[in-house]
Amino acid sequence: MIAPHRDIGFRRNAEASFRIGVVDVAVSGDLPDVLDDFAALYEQAREPAGKPARAEIPLIQMEVRSRRSGWFGRRSHLVCGDGENLWTARRACEVLPYLEWGINYRVIARRPEFLQLHAATLALGGAGFIFAADSGSGKSTLTAALLACGWKYLSDEFALIEPRSRTLHPFPKALCIKAGSFDLMRRLKLPVWRNRHYVKALKGPVGYIRPQDIRPDIVSAPVPARYVVLPQYIEGARPALRPVPRAQAAFLLARCAFNRSGFDRQAIPVINALVREAECFRLEIGQLDETCDLLESLACANS
């Protein structure tokens, strides 16, 4: 059952600003339903109208526009970031995921001061965990399960790493969950926002979990990276943590770097310093409750 739509004040061609951790975003366009969805999804991050942007942080400008083209005037929807056409969505249900994706894309370009890895980042007891893996590894589901167990949240998509201190910074986007995991989220007592399906390229039908719906204080302050975990779901397996040689962990993290070319020669030294300071493991994800217990035992043993 789809939750009723709640209009929170977006109108055609209006603009609103959001502070999502260390990322500032303004969104506008001529699709008020999509923009209203985005504003509701990031309700806690919305900035008051007229509040000046943080001078030290570049503002990412996102825009969604509809257009008609071709002989039959078929409607499509453009998603633009900082004046660049990023994606074209054919269906309205695709626009919000493309808007989300576009913000990530612009973070890569606009926040080059961070080394950026494709990874989930969480914290427990003041220690930062980097869960780096390709899509389809079970990373998002594991992230949701750990948050249900009381962990603090930094990001589901990005490790934003300050190069000198190797500190992880928060970019608490809504968790994007495949529709096939909705029942599991309910068993974990995690609310799928509006119980609604959207369509995301490659992933298919997806939904979102708002971090603040799990706990109001769920977002972590910046924390030092203490653990690098390379997860992979293996059906029917018992969860296992196995140490990984630091050189291998560094190689795999370099593969996950969004902005390695932008960092030029600095990226590899930062990654090498990170794996020297952190403990590095390969994680076989089995039963989620057992996997969460295993990771919590690791953190407690080193606290």
Protein backbone atom coordinates (compact mmCIF):
# COMPACT_ATOMS: atom_id res chain seq x y z
CA MET A 1 0.00 0.00 0.00
CA ILE A 2 1.45 3.37 -1.01
CA ALA A 3 1.47 6.02 1.67
CA PRO A 4 -0.50 9.16 0.78
CA HIS A 5 1.46 11.91 -0.88
CA ARG A 6 2.11 14.83 1.45
CA ASP A 7 2.71 18.16 -0.25
CA ILE A 8 5.34 20.11 1.65
CA GLY A 9 5.32 23.20 -0.50
CA PHE A 10 7.34 22.64 -3.66
CA ARG A 11 6.00 24.49 -6.67
CA ARG A 12 7.00 24.62 -10.31
CA ASN A 13 10.39 26.33 -10.80
CA ALA A 14 10.85 26.78 -7.04
CA GLU A 15 14.26 26.06 -5.52
CA ALA A 16 15.16 24.58 -2.15
CA SER A 17 18.50 23.94 -0.48
CA PHE A 18 19.63 20.94 1.54
CA ARG A 19 22.63 20.25 3.77
CA ILE A 20 23.38 16.52 3.53
CA GLY A 21 26.32 16.10 5.86
CA VAL A 22 29.29 17.82 4.24
CA VAL A 23 27.45 18.28 0.93
CA ASP A 24 25.22 21.26 0.09
CA VAL A 25 22.64 20.82 -2.68
CA ALA A 26 20.04 23.09 -4.27
CA VAL A 27 17.27 21.50 -6.38
CA SER A 28 14.81 23.13 -8.74
CA GLY A 29 12.81 22.41 -11.88
CA ASP A 30 9.38 22.04 -13.41
CA LEU A 31 8.40 18.64 -11.93
CA PRO A 32 6.91 19.62 -8.57
CA ASP A 33 5.87 16.07 -7.67
CA VAL A 34 9.43 14.80 -8.04
CA LEU A 35 10.88 17.76 -6.20
CA ASP A 36 8.32 17.38 -3.43
CA ASP A 37 9.34 13.72 -3.11
CA PHE A 38 12.99 14.74 -2.84
CA ALA A 39 12.19 17.42 -0.27
CA ALA A 40 10.21 14.91 1.81
CA LEU A 41 12.98 12.30 1.52
CA TYR A 42 15.48 14.86 2.87
CA GLU A 43 13.09 16.74 5.13
CA GLN A 44 15.57 16.83 8.01
CA ALA A 45 18.29 18.25 5.75
CA ARG A 46 16.24 21.08 4.24
CA GLU A 47 17.62 24.55 4.89
CA PRO A 48 15.34 27.48 5.79
CA ALA A 49 14.52 29.74 2.87
CA GLY A 50 16.93 32.66 2.64
CA LYS A 51 19.64 31.06 4.76
CA PRO A 52 23.03 31.77 3.15
CA ALA A 53 25.03 28.82 1.85
CA ARG A 54 28.24 27.78 3.57
CA ALA A 55 30.92 29.90 1.92
CA GLU A 56 33.59 27.22 2.27
CA ILE A 57 31.54 24.49 0.56
CA PRO A 58 30.57 24.55 -3.14
CA LEU A 59 26.82 24.42 -3.73
CA ILE A 60 25.73 21.66 -6.11
CA GLN A 61 22.89 22.91 -8.33
CA MET A 62 20.52 20.15 -9.48
CA GLU A 63 17.63 20.72 -11.89
CA VAL A 64 14.94 18.48 -13.38
CA ARG A 65 13.11 19.50 -16.54
CA SER A 66 10.47 17.85 -18.70
CA ARG A 67 10.45 18.13 -22.47
CA ARG A 68 8.61 16.78 -25.49
CA SER A 69 10.43 15.59 -28.58
CA GLY A 70 9.91 13.55 -31.76
CA TRP A 71 6.95 13.33 -34.08
CA PHE A 72 4.57 12.26 -31.34
CA GLY A 73 5.80 14.72 -28.73
CA ARG A 74 6.93 11.98 -26.38
CA ARG A 75 7.70 13.33 -22.93
CA SER A 76 11.08 12.77 -21.29
CA HIS A 77 12.74 14.25 -18.23
CA LEU A 78 16.22 15.76 -18.04
CA VAL A 79 18.29 15.63 -14.86
CA CYS A 80 20.99 18.33 -14.85
CA GLY A 81 23.80 19.03 -12.44
CA ASP A 82 25.62 22.35 -12.34
CA GLY A 83 24.36 23.13 -15.84
CA GLU A 84 25.39 19.79 -17.34
CA ASN A 85 22.82 17.36 -18.77
CA LEU A 86 23.49 14.16 -16.85
CA TRP A 87 20.64 11.72 -17.50
CA THR A 88 17.42 11.42 -19.42
CA ALA A 89 14.54 9.56 -17.76
CA ARG A 90 11.66 8.25 -19.88
CA ARG A 91 9.30 7.57 -16.98
CA ALA A 92 8.42 9.76 -14.02
CA CYS A 93 9.21 6.90 -11.60
CA GLU A 94 12.84 7.02 -12.76
CA VAL A 95 13.45 10.71 -12.09
CA LEU A 96 14.05 10.62 -8.32
CA PRO A 97 16.69 7.85 -8.55
CA TYR A 98 18.40 9.73 -11.38
CA LEU A 99 18.33 12.91 -9.30
CA GLU A 100 19.92 10.99 -6.42
CA TRP A 101 22.49 9.51 -8.74
CA GLY A 102 23.22 12.90 -10.27
CA ILE A 103 24.06 14.37 -6.86
CA ASN A 104 26.61 11.60 -6.32
CA TYR A 105 28.05 12.30 -9.76
CA ARG A 106 28.48 15.99 -8.99
CA VAL A 107 30.03 15.28 -5.58
CA ILE A 108 32.84 13.51 -7.43
CA ALA A 109 33.53 16.67 -9.43
CA ARG A 110 32.83 19.33 -6.78
CA ARG A 111 34.49 17.87 -3.67
CA PRO A 112 37.99 16.96 -4.89
CA GLU A 113 39.51 17.68 -1.47
CA PHE A 114 38.27 14.25 -0.34
CA LEU A 115 39.51 10.91 -1.55
CA GLN A 116 36.22 9.31 -2.59
CA LEU A 117 35.63 5.56 -2.54
CA HIS A 118 32.56 3.58 -3.60
CA ALA A 119 31.83 2.22 -0.15
CA ALA A 120 29.42 2.30 2.75
CA THR A 121 30.80 4.02 5.84
CA LEU A 122 29.57 3.49 9.39
CA ALA A 123 30.85 4.01 12.91
CA LEU A 124 30.71 2.07 16.15
CA GLY A 125 32.26 3.27 19.38
CA GLY A 126 34.02 6.14 17.61
CA ALA A 127 35.75 3.86 15.10
CA GLY A 128 35.05 4.23 11.40
CA PHE A 129 34.34 1.24 9.15
CA ILE A 130 34.73 1.27 5.37
CA PHE A 131 32.69 -1.42 3.60
CA ALA A 132 34.05 -1.36 0.05
CA ALA A 133 32.51 -3.61 -2.60
CA ASP A 134 30.98 -3.69 -6.05
CA SER A 135 27.23 -3.38 -6.51
CA GLY A 136 25.40 -6.61 -5.77
CA SER A 137 27.69 -7.63 -2.92
CA GLY A 138 25.06 -7.16 -0.20
CA LYS A 139 26.62 -3.93 1.05
CA SER A 140 23.40 -1.90 1.31
CA THR A 141 21.51 -4.72 3.05
CA LEU A 142 24.38 -5.16 5.52
CA THR A 143 24.44 -1.40 6.12
CA ALA A 144 20.73 -1.39 6.91
CA ALA A 145 21.10 -4.35 9.29
CA LEU A 146 23.98 -2.69 11.17
CA LEU A 147 22.01 0.54 11.51
CA ALA A 148 19.13 -1.50 12.95
CA CYS A 149 21.62 -2.82 15.53
CA GLY A 150 22.55 0.67 16.71
CA TRP A 151 25.53 1.60 14.53
CA LYS A 152 26.05 5.20 13.44
CA TYR A 153 25.68 6.21 9.81
CA LEU A 154 27.99 8.14 7.51
CA SER A 155 27.02 7.05 3.98
CA ASP A 156 25.71 4.16 1.93
CA GLU A 157 27.52 5.14 -1.27
CA PHE A 158 30.61 7.18 -0.46
CA ALA A 159 33.63 7.03 1.73
CA LEU A 160 34.66 10.71 1.89
CA ILE A 161 38.18 10.57 3.29
CA GLU A 162 40.17 13.61 4.41
CA PRO A 163 43.65 12.81 3.04
CA ARG A 164 45.84 14.03 5.91
CA SER A 165 43.99 12.52 8.86
CA ARG A 166 42.19 9.66 7.01
CA THR A 167 39.01 10.83 8.73
CA LEU A 168 35.63 9.71 7.33
CA HIS A 169 33.08 12.49 6.84
CA PRO A 170 29.29 12.13 6.74
CA PHE A 171 27.28 12.15 3.52
CA PRO A 172 24.07 10.59 4.90
CA LYS A 173 22.04 9.96 1.75
CA ALA A 174 18.88 7.90 2.02
CA LEU A 175 19.62 4.18 1.71
CA CYS A 176 18.60 2.81 -1.69
CA ILE A 177 17.18 -0.69 -1.24
CA LYS A 178 16.19 -3.14 -3.97
CA ALA A 179 12.53 -4.09 -3.89
CA GLY A 180 13.47 -7.72 -3.31
CA SER A 181 14.80 -6.72 0.13
CA PHE A 182 11.65 -4.90 1.30
CA ASP A 183 10.39 -7.88 3.31
CA LEU A 184 13.78 -8.22 4.98
CA MET A 185 13.75 -4.52 5.88
CA ARG A 186 10.34 -4.97 7.51
CA ARG A 187 11.65 -7.91 9.52
CA LEU A 188 14.46 -5.64 10.69
CA LYS A 189 11.78 -3.07 11.60
CA LEU A 190 13.27 -0.59 9.16
CA PRO A 191 10.60 1.59 7.49
CA VAL A 192 10.73 1.71 3.69
CA TRP A 193 9.86 5.33 2.97
CA ARG A 194 6.27 5.67 1.73
CA ASN A 195 6.37 1.93 0.88
CA ARG A 196 6.89 3.09 -2.70
CA HIS A 197 8.76 1.63 -5.66
CA TYR A 198 10.90 3.71 -7.98
CA VAL A 199 12.95 2.43 -10.90
CA LYS A 200 16.73 2.76 -10.95
CA ALA A 201 18.81 1.80 -13.96
CA LEU A 202 20.57 -1.56 -13.47
CA LYS A 203 19.01 -2.12 -10.03
CA GLY A 204 15.40 -2.19 -11.23
CA PRO A 205 12.64 -1.40 -8.68
CA VAL A 206 14.04 0.26 -5.55
CA GLY A 207 12.84 2.03 -2.44
CA TYR A 208 14.43 4.27 0.16
CA ILE A 209 15.05 4.25 3.88
CA ARG A 210 15.48 7.63 5.53
CA PRO A 211 18.21 7.44 8.19
CA GLN A 212 16.28 9.69 10.60
CA ASP A 213 13.35 7.24 10.52
CA ILE A 214 15.60 4.65 12.16
CA ARG A 215 16.88 6.96 14.93
CA PRO A 216 16.99 10.76 15.19
CA ASP A 217 20.67 10.73 16.25
CA ILE A 218 21.82 8.13 13.76
CA VAL A 219 24.28 10.28 11.76
CA SER A 220 27.86 10.07 12.97
CA ALA A 221 30.28 12.91 13.41
CA PRO A 222 33.55 12.54 11.47
CA VAL A 223 35.53 9.54 12.71
CA PRO A 224 38.95 8.02 11.98
CA ALA A 225 38.96 5.06 9.60
CA ARG A 226 39.92 2.06 11.73
CA TYR A 227 38.60 -0.88 9.69
CA VAL A 228 38.52 -1.75 6.00
CA VAL A 229 36.03 -4.54 5.31
CA LEU A 230 35.53 -6.12 1.88
CA PRO A 231 32.08 -7.77 2.05
CA GLN A 232 30.51 -10.41 -0.16
CA TYR A 233 27.21 -12.18 0.37
CA ILE A 234 27.46 -15.97 0.06
CA GLU A 235 24.14 -17.77 0.24
CA GLY A 236 24.00 -20.39 2.95
CA ALA A 237 27.45 -19.55 4.33
CA ARG A 238 28.27 -18.91 7.95
CA PRO A 239 29.63 -15.39 8.36
CA ALA A 240 33.41 -15.20 8.48
CA LEU A 241 36.04 -12.49 8.81
CA ARG A 242 39.43 -13.23 7.31
CA PRO A 243 42.41 -10.88 7.46
CA VAL A 244 43.46 -9.46 4.10
CA PRO A 245 47.06 -8.46 3.32
CA ARG A 246 47.34 -4.70 3.34
CA ALA A 247 48.74 -4.60 -0.18
CA GLN A 248 45.71 -6.50 -1.46
CA ALA A 249 43.33 -4.22 0.46
CA ALA A 250 45.07 -1.16 -1.01
CA PHE A 251 44.72 -2.55 -4.52
CA LEU A 252 41.01 -3.22 -4.05
CA LEU A 253 40.39 0.22 -2.52
CA ALA A 254 42.18 1.86 -5.45
CA ARG A 255 39.76 0.06 -7.78
CA CYS A 256 36.85 1.56 -5.78
CA ALA A 257 38.14 5.15 -5.97
CA PHE A 258 35.74 7.48 -7.76
CA ASN A 259 38.26 10.30 -8.15
CA ARG A 260 41.60 8.50 -8.33
CA SER A 261 42.55 10.34 -11.54
CA GLY A 262 41.69 13.69 -9.96
CA PHE A 263 43.94 12.91 -7.02
CA ASP A 264 46.73 12.02 -9.45
CA ARG A 265 49.77 10.76 -7.51
CA GLN A 266 48.27 11.55 -4.12
CA ALA A 267 45.61 8.82 -4.19
CA ILE A 268 47.90 5.81 -3.79
CA PRO A 269 49.89 7.29 -0.84
CA VAL A 270 46.61 8.15 0.92
CA ILE A 271 45.26 4.64 0.40
CA ASN A 272 48.56 3.10 1.54
CA ALA A 273 48.50 5.21 4.71
CA LEU A 274 44.86 4.24 5.28
CA VAL A 275 45.49 0.49 5.13
CA ARG A 276 48.62 0.79 7.31
CA GLU A 277 46.54 2.40 10.06
CA ALA A 278 43.42 0.25 9.67
CA GLU A 279 42.71 -3.42 10.14
CA CYS A 280 41.73 -5.04 6.85
CA PHE A 281 39.36 -7.98 6.44
CA ARG A 282 37.37 -9.89 3.88
CA LEU A 283 33.84 -10.53 5.14
CA GLU A 284 31.63 -13.39 4.04
CA ILE A 285 28.07 -12.27 4.76
CA GLY A 286 25.81 -15.06 5.97
CA GLN A 287 22.82 -14.77 8.28
CA LEU A 288 22.50 -11.06 8.97
CA ASP A 289 22.12 -11.31 12.75
CA GLU A 290 25.23 -13.51 12.99
CA THR A 291 27.14 -11.22 10.62
CA CYS A 292 26.27 -8.16 12.72
CA ASP A 293 27.33 -9.97 15.92
CA LEU A 294 30.65 -10.88 14.29
CA LEU A 295 31.38 -7.29 13.30
CA GLU A 296 30.39 -5.97 16.72
CA SER A 297 32.70 -8.51 18.36
CA LEU A 298 35.53 -7.23 16.17
CA ALA A 299 34.91 -3.64 17.26
CA CYS A 300 34.53 -4.55 20.94
CA ALA A 301 37.74 -6.62 20.94
CA ASN A 302 39.73 -3.60 19.80
CA SER A 303 37.98 -0.89 21.84
